[in-house]
């Protein structure tokens, strides 16, 4: 499932949904977090609410707490 398809289905009234990178997947998002990549660039939308919602879905899919995903993002290697 792509980030865009999930987001547009879950939040159909959010006008940013169609702007999300149509080629981005949750596995790729997790990879960006593990490698310290630019999450916003990968998502294709520079919006914290979109990021939080995608992080929430990723956490749910991995059966981990949201804080785990958030800490991966905060502690990215420099």
Protein backbone atom coordinates (compact mmCIF):
# COMPACT_ATOMS: atom_id res chain seq x y z
CA UNK A 1 0.00 0.00 0.00
CA UNK A 2 1.33 3.41 -0.89
CA UNK A 3 1.37 6.28 1.56
CA UNK A 4 -0.88 8.21 -0.79
CA UNK A 5 -3.51 5.49 -1.14
CA UNK A 6 -3.65 4.93 2.63
CA UNK A 7 -3.85 8.64 3.35
CA UNK A 8 -6.48 9.44 0.75
CA UNK A 9 -8.65 6.55 1.97
CA UNK A 10 -8.24 7.41 5.65
CA UNK A 11 -8.47 11.21 5.26
CA UNK A 12 -10.49 11.86 2.09
CA UNK A 13 -11.17 15.50 2.90
CA UNK A 14 -7.51 16.44 3.40
CA UNK A 15 -6.43 18.28 0.27
CA UNK A 16 -2.78 17.32 0.82
CA UNK A 17 -3.45 13.60 0.26
CA UNK A 18 -3.11 13.72 -3.54
CA UNK A 19 0.19 15.60 -3.17
CA UNK A 20 1.86 12.73 -1.29
CA UNK A 21 4.51 10.94 -3.32
CA UNK A 22 2.58 8.29 -5.27
CA UNK A 23 5.61 5.97 -5.28
CA UNK A 24 6.27 6.09 -1.53
CA UNK A 25 5.46 3.03 0.60
CA UNK A 26 5.52 2.36 4.34
CA UNK A 27 8.59 0.12 3.98
CA UNK A 28 10.41 3.03 2.35
CA UNK A 29 9.26 5.38 5.10
CA UNK A 30 10.66 3.01 7.71
CA UNK A 31 13.91 2.84 5.76
CA UNK A 32 14.11 6.65 5.75
CA UNK A 33 13.72 6.60 9.53
CA UNK A 34 16.40 3.95 10.03
CA UNK A 35 18.88 5.62 7.70
CA UNK A 36 18.26 9.18 8.85
CA UNK A 37 16.80 10.26 5.53
CA UNK A 38 14.61 13.27 4.94
CA UNK A 39 11.13 12.02 5.82
CA UNK A 40 9.37 15.09 4.45
CA UNK A 41 11.17 14.77 1.12
CA UNK A 42 10.25 11.09 0.93
CA UNK A 43 6.60 11.77 1.75
CA UNK A 44 6.52 14.63 -0.73
CA UNK A 45 4.52 16.87 1.60
CA UNK A 46 6.07 19.17 4.20
CA UNK A 47 3.24 19.03 6.72
CA UNK A 48 3.54 17.81 10.30
CA UNK A 49 -0.06 16.56 10.51
CA UNK A 50 0.43 14.37 7.43
CA UNK A 51 3.72 13.08 8.90
CA UNK A 52 2.09 12.33 12.26
CA UNK A 53 -0.77 10.43 10.65
CA UNK A 54 1.62 8.38 8.52
CA UNK A 55 3.84 7.70 11.54
CA UNK A 56 0.73 6.57 13.42
CA UNK A 57 -0.22 4.11 10.68
CA UNK A 58 3.37 2.85 10.49
CA UNK A 59 3.45 2.31 14.26
CA UNK A 60 0.12 0.48 14.15
CA UNK A 61 1.30 -1.74 11.28
CA UNK A 62 4.49 -2.62 13.13
CA UNK A 63 2.60 -3.06 16.41
CA UNK A 64 4.83 -0.57 18.19
CA UNK A 65 4.03 2.62 20.04
CA UNK A 66 3.93 5.88 18.12
CA UNK A 67 6.75 7.13 20.38
CA UNK A 68 9.06 4.46 18.95
CA UNK A 69 8.58 5.79 15.41
CA UNK A 70 8.82 9.38 16.58
CA UNK A 71 12.09 8.70 18.41
CA UNK A 72 13.55 7.06 15.29
CA UNK A 73 12.80 10.32 13.49
CA UNK A 74 14.22 12.56 16.23
CA UNK A 75 17.37 10.54 16.70
CA UNK A 76 18.39 10.36 13.08
CA UNK A 77 22.13 10.02 12.58
CA UNK A 78 23.99 13.14 11.58
